[in-house]
């Protein structure tokens, strides 16, 4: 038996980089995956994993929007009936001239995704984890 066999894992920021790596390792260990990210690349990754025999669903989600995260929770529940693990991996780092002119657009974008995104995803997904008897949230 694989370590994560039968577990349903939601991973935000799963379209590239660390999130893609987490998804591939979780798949290797038998998890059923719901991969979430803003862009269409997350759908391609889910398709790639499916073609390799893994269970994966891709969902385009904006973690800075709570309604989008609620939709993610609903899709996960409908597809797999539960959530065991949420990995809040979505995040950005936009570098700029900090002392230069700024309209605070980058500040707000960082807060919206890196802080509110974790809050939104956890707030939307945690009820499923709790109703299932517990699990894990990895931030």
C-alpha atoms as a PDB file:
ATOM      1  CA  UNK A   1       0.000   0.000   0.000  1.00  0.00           C
ATOM      2  CA  UNK A   2       1.220   3.474  -0.858  1.00  0.00           C
ATOM      3  CA  UNK A   3       1.540   6.087   1.897  1.00  0.00           C
ATOM      4  CA  UNK A   4      -1.239   8.335   0.528  1.00  0.00           C
ATOM      5  CA  UNK A   5      -3.452   5.715  -1.077  1.00  0.00           C
ATOM      6  CA  UNK A   6      -7.113   6.662  -0.723  1.00  0.00           C
ATOM      7  CA  UNK A   7      -6.297  10.178   0.472  1.00  0.00           C
ATOM      8  CA  UNK A   8      -7.751  13.182  -1.336  1.00  0.00           C
ATOM      9  CA  UNK A   9      -5.327  16.073  -1.510  1.00  0.00           C
ATOM     10  CA  UNK A  10      -6.018  19.608  -2.719  1.00  0.00           C
ATOM     11  CA  UNK A  11      -2.918  21.542  -3.778  1.00  0.00           C
ATOM     12  CA  UNK A  12      -3.053  25.256  -4.587  1.00  0.00           C
ATOM     13  CA  UNK A  13      -0.423  26.792  -6.820  1.00  0.00           C
ATOM     14  CA  UNK A  14      -0.065  23.398  -8.464  1.00  0.00           C
ATOM     15  CA  UNK A  15       0.674  24.470 -12.032  1.00  0.00           C
ATOM     16  CA  UNK A  16       4.450  24.855 -11.786  1.00  0.00           C
ATOM     17  CA  UNK A  17       7.475  24.890  -9.540  1.00  0.00           C
ATOM     18  CA  UNK A  18       7.081  23.601  -6.004  1.00  0.00           C
ATOM     19  CA  UNK A  19       3.350  22.954  -6.425  1.00  0.00           C
ATOM     20  CA  UNK A  20       3.943  20.801  -9.491  1.00  0.00           C
ATOM     21  CA  UNK A  21       6.637  18.915  -7.598  1.00  0.00           C
ATOM     22  CA  UNK A  22       4.339  18.315  -4.630  1.00  0.00           C
ATOM     23  CA  UNK A  23       1.623  17.068  -6.982  1.00  0.00           C
ATOM     24  CA  UNK A  24       3.961  14.582  -8.658  1.00  0.00           C
ATOM     25  CA  UNK A  25       5.219  13.209  -5.339  1.00  0.00           C
ATOM     26  CA  UNK A  26       1.699  12.950  -3.874  1.00  0.00           C
ATOM     27  CA  UNK A  27       0.582  11.145  -7.052  1.00  0.00           C
ATOM     28  CA  UNK A  28       3.509   8.739  -6.783  1.00  0.00           C
ATOM     29  CA  UNK A  29       2.379   7.871  -3.269  1.00  0.00           C
ATOM     30  CA  UNK A  30      -1.189   7.186  -4.369  1.00  0.00           C
ATOM     31  CA  UNK A  31      -3.116  10.369  -3.517  1.00  0.00           C
ATOM     32  CA  UNK A  32      -6.184  11.443  -5.443  1.00  0.00           C
ATOM     33  CA  UNK A  33      -5.334  14.986  -6.455  1.00  0.00           C
ATOM     34  CA  UNK A  34      -7.253  18.178  -6.994  1.00  0.00           C
ATOM     35  CA  UNK A  35      -4.780  20.600  -8.508  1.00  0.00           C
ATOM     36  CA  UNK A  36      -5.633  24.288  -8.311  1.00  0.00           C
ATOM     37  CA  UNK A  37      -4.084  27.345  -9.943  1.00  0.00           C
ATOM     38  CA  UNK A  38      -5.166  30.441 -11.871  1.00  0.00           C
ATOM     39  CA  UNK A  39      -3.857  29.522 -15.290  1.00  0.00           C
ATOM     40  CA  UNK A  40      -4.684  26.733 -17.734  1.00  0.00           C
ATOM     41  CA  UNK A  41      -1.343  24.983 -17.126  1.00  0.00           C
ATOM     42  CA  UNK A  42      -2.929  23.301 -14.081  1.00  0.00           C
ATOM     43  CA  UNK A  43      -5.354  21.538 -16.421  1.00  0.00           C
ATOM     44  CA  UNK A  44      -2.425  20.320 -18.521  1.00  0.00           C
ATOM     45  CA  UNK A  45      -0.637  18.948 -15.445  1.00  0.00           C
ATOM     46  CA  UNK A  46      -3.777  17.100 -14.321  1.00  0.00           C
ATOM     47  CA  UNK A  47      -4.123  15.630 -17.820  1.00  0.00           C
ATOM     48  CA  UNK A  48      -0.459  14.607 -17.847  1.00  0.00           C
ATOM     49  CA  UNK A  49      -0.805  12.853 -14.485  1.00  0.00           C
ATOM     50  CA  UNK A  50      -3.993  11.098 -15.632  1.00  0.00           C
ATOM     51  CA  UNK A  51      -2.196   9.831 -18.735  1.00  0.00           C
ATOM     52  CA  UNK A  52       0.380   8.281 -16.388  1.00  0.00           C
ATOM     53  CA  UNK A  53      -2.354   6.409 -14.508  1.00  0.00           C
ATOM     54  CA  UNK A  54      -2.808   8.755 -11.550  1.00  0.00           C
ATOM     55  CA  UNK A  55      -6.062  10.281 -10.297  1.00  0.00           C
ATOM     56  CA  UNK A  56      -5.954  14.032 -10.820  1.00  0.00           C
ATOM     57  CA  UNK A  57      -8.432  16.816 -11.438  1.00  0.00           C
ATOM     58  CA  UNK A  58      -7.373  20.294 -12.484  1.00  0.00           C
ATOM     59  CA  UNK A  59      -9.360  23.349 -11.420  1.00  0.00           C
ATOM     60  CA  UNK A  60      -8.662  26.957 -12.344  1.00  0.00           C
ATOM     61  CA  UNK A  61      -8.958  28.896  -9.099  1.00  0.00           C
ATOM     62  CA  UNK A  62      -8.021  32.363  -7.903  1.00  0.00           C
ATOM     63  CA  UNK A  63      -7.162  31.923  -4.217  1.00  0.00           C
ATOM     64  CA  UNK A  64      -7.486  35.660  -3.651  1.00  0.00           C
ATOM     65  CA  UNK A  65     -11.233  35.242  -4.259  1.00  0.00           C
ATOM     66  CA  UNK A  66     -13.152  33.351  -1.550  1.00  0.00           C
ATOM     67  CA  UNK A  67     -15.996  32.418  -3.928  1.00  0.00           C
ATOM     68  CA  UNK A  68     -13.460  30.801  -6.234  1.00  0.00           C
ATOM     69  CA  UNK A  69     -12.113  28.787  -3.287  1.00  0.00           C
ATOM     70  CA  UNK A  70     -15.656  27.725  -2.349  1.00  0.00           C
ATOM     71  CA  UNK A  71     -16.075  26.478  -5.910  1.00  0.00           C
ATOM     72  CA  UNK A  72     -12.844  24.487  -5.492  1.00  0.00           C
ATOM     73  CA  UNK A  73     -14.241  22.891  -2.334  1.00  0.00           C
ATOM     74  CA  UNK A  74     -17.517  22.038  -4.078  1.00  0.00           C
ATOM     75  CA  UNK A  75     -15.756  20.480  -7.070  1.00  0.00           C
ATOM     76  CA  UNK A  76     -13.532  18.433  -4.762  1.00  0.00           C
ATOM     77  CA  UNK A  77     -16.486  17.182  -2.707  1.00  0.00           C
ATOM     78  CA  UNK A  78     -18.455  16.344  -5.855  1.00  0.00           C
ATOM     79  CA  UNK A  79     -15.511  14.538  -7.468  1.00  0.00           C
ATOM     80  CA  UNK A  80     -14.063  12.637  -4.501  1.00  0.00           C
ATOM     81  CA  UNK A  81     -16.558  13.058  -1.659  1.00  0.00           C
ATOM     82  CA  UNK A  82     -14.027  14.314   0.848  1.00  0.00           C
ATOM     83  CA  UNK A  83     -10.751  16.124   1.486  1.00  0.00           C
ATOM     84  CA  UNK A  84      -7.957  14.706   3.628  1.00  0.00           C
ATOM     85  CA  UNK A  85      -5.205  17.225   2.975  1.00  0.00           C
ATOM     86  CA  UNK A  86      -4.985  20.815   1.801  1.00  0.00           C
ATOM     87  CA  UNK A  87      -1.606  22.138   0.670  1.00  0.00           C
ATOM     88  CA  UNK A  88      -1.670  25.944   0.527  1.00  0.00           C
ATOM     89  CA  UNK A  89       1.205  26.420  -1.883  1.00  0.00           C
ATOM     90  CA  UNK A  90      -0.065  29.288  -4.062  1.00  0.00           C
ATOM     91  CA  UNK A  91       2.139  32.319  -3.688  1.00  0.00           C
ATOM     92  CA  UNK A  92       3.885  35.073  -5.577  1.00  0.00           C
ATOM     93  CA  UNK A  93       7.009  37.188  -5.241  1.00  0.00           C
ATOM     94  CA  UNK A  94       7.114  40.220  -7.513  1.00  0.00           C
ATOM     95  CA  UNK A  95      10.377  42.096  -7.109  1.00  0.00           C
ATOM     96  CA  UNK A  96      10.439  45.834  -7.684  1.00  0.00           C
ATOM     97  CA  UNK A  97      12.320  48.977  -6.760  1.00  0.00           C
ATOM     98  CA  UNK A  98      10.967  49.218  -3.226  1.00  0.00           C
ATOM     99  CA  UNK A  99      11.962  52.859  -2.804  1.00  0.00           C
ATOM    100  CA  UNK A 100      10.633  53.916  -6.211  1.00  0.00           C
ATOM    101  CA  UNK A 101       7.205  55.223  -7.037  1.00  0.00           C
ATOM    102  CA  UNK A 102       4.541  52.694  -6.237  1.00  0.00           C
ATOM    103  CA  UNK A 103       0.778  52.703  -6.386  1.00  0.00           C
ATOM    104  CA  UNK A 104       0.788  49.789  -3.884  1.00  0.00           C
ATOM    105  CA  UNK A 105      -0.549  47.436  -6.563  1.00  0.00           C
ATOM    106  CA  UNK A 106       2.218  44.904  -5.870  1.00  0.00           C
ATOM    107  CA  UNK A 107       1.756  45.180  -2.101  1.00  0.00           C
ATOM    108  CA  UNK A 108      -1.950  44.464  -2.420  1.00  0.00           C
ATOM    109  CA  UNK A 109      -1.359  41.612  -4.865  1.00  0.00           C
ATOM    110  CA  UNK A 110       1.096  39.949  -2.435  1.00  0.00           C
ATOM    111  CA  UNK A 111      -1.341  40.274   0.465  1.00  0.00           C
ATOM    112  CA  UNK A 112      -4.284  39.074  -1.627  1.00  0.00           C
ATOM    113  CA  UNK A 113      -2.546  35.906  -2.806  1.00  0.00           C
ATOM    114  CA  UNK A 114       0.029  35.083  -0.131  1.00  0.00           C
ATOM    115  CA  UNK A 115      -2.081  35.880   2.935  1.00  0.00           C
ATOM    116  CA  UNK A 116      -5.740  36.098   1.958  1.00  0.00           C
ATOM    117  CA  UNK A 117      -5.247  33.155  -0.410  1.00  0.00           C
ATOM    118  CA  UNK A 118      -4.215  30.869   2.443  1.00  0.00           C
ATOM    119  CA  UNK A 119      -7.133  32.128   4.550  1.00  0.00           C
ATOM    120  CA  UNK A 120      -9.643  31.691   1.698  1.00  0.00           C
ATOM    121  CA  UNK A 121      -8.504  28.210   0.684  1.00  0.00           C
ATOM    122  CA  UNK A 122      -8.396  26.996   4.286  1.00  0.00           C
ATOM    123  CA  UNK A 123     -11.766  28.555   5.172  1.00  0.00           C
ATOM    124  CA  UNK A 124     -13.369  26.894   2.127  1.00  0.00           C
ATOM    125  CA  UNK A 125     -11.730  23.444   2.408  1.00  0.00           C
ATOM    126  CA  UNK A 126     -11.393  22.902   6.172  1.00  0.00           C
ATOM    127  CA  UNK A 127     -15.076  22.047   6.772  1.00  0.00           C
ATOM    128  CA  UNK A 128     -14.655  18.996   4.532  1.00  0.00           C
ATOM    129  CA  UNK A 129     -11.517  17.917   6.393  1.00  0.00           C
ATOM    130  CA  UNK A 130     -13.221  18.313   9.783  1.00  0.00           C
ATOM    131  CA  UNK A 131     -16.433  16.538   8.723  1.00  0.00           C
ATOM    132  CA  UNK A 132     -14.254  13.676   7.517  1.00  0.00           C
ATOM    133  CA  UNK A 133     -12.741  13.158  10.955  1.00  0.00           C
ATOM    134  CA  UNK A 134      -9.605  15.234  10.464  1.00  0.00           C
ATOM    135  CA  UNK A 135      -6.652  15.517   8.188  1.00  0.00           C
ATOM    136  CA  UNK A 136      -3.961  18.059   7.486  1.00  0.00           C
ATOM    137  CA  UNK A 137      -3.500  21.597   6.234  1.00  0.00           C
ATOM    138  CA  UNK A 138       0.016  22.349   5.035  1.00  0.00           C
ATOM    139  CA  UNK A 139       0.900  26.021   4.668  1.00  0.00           C
END
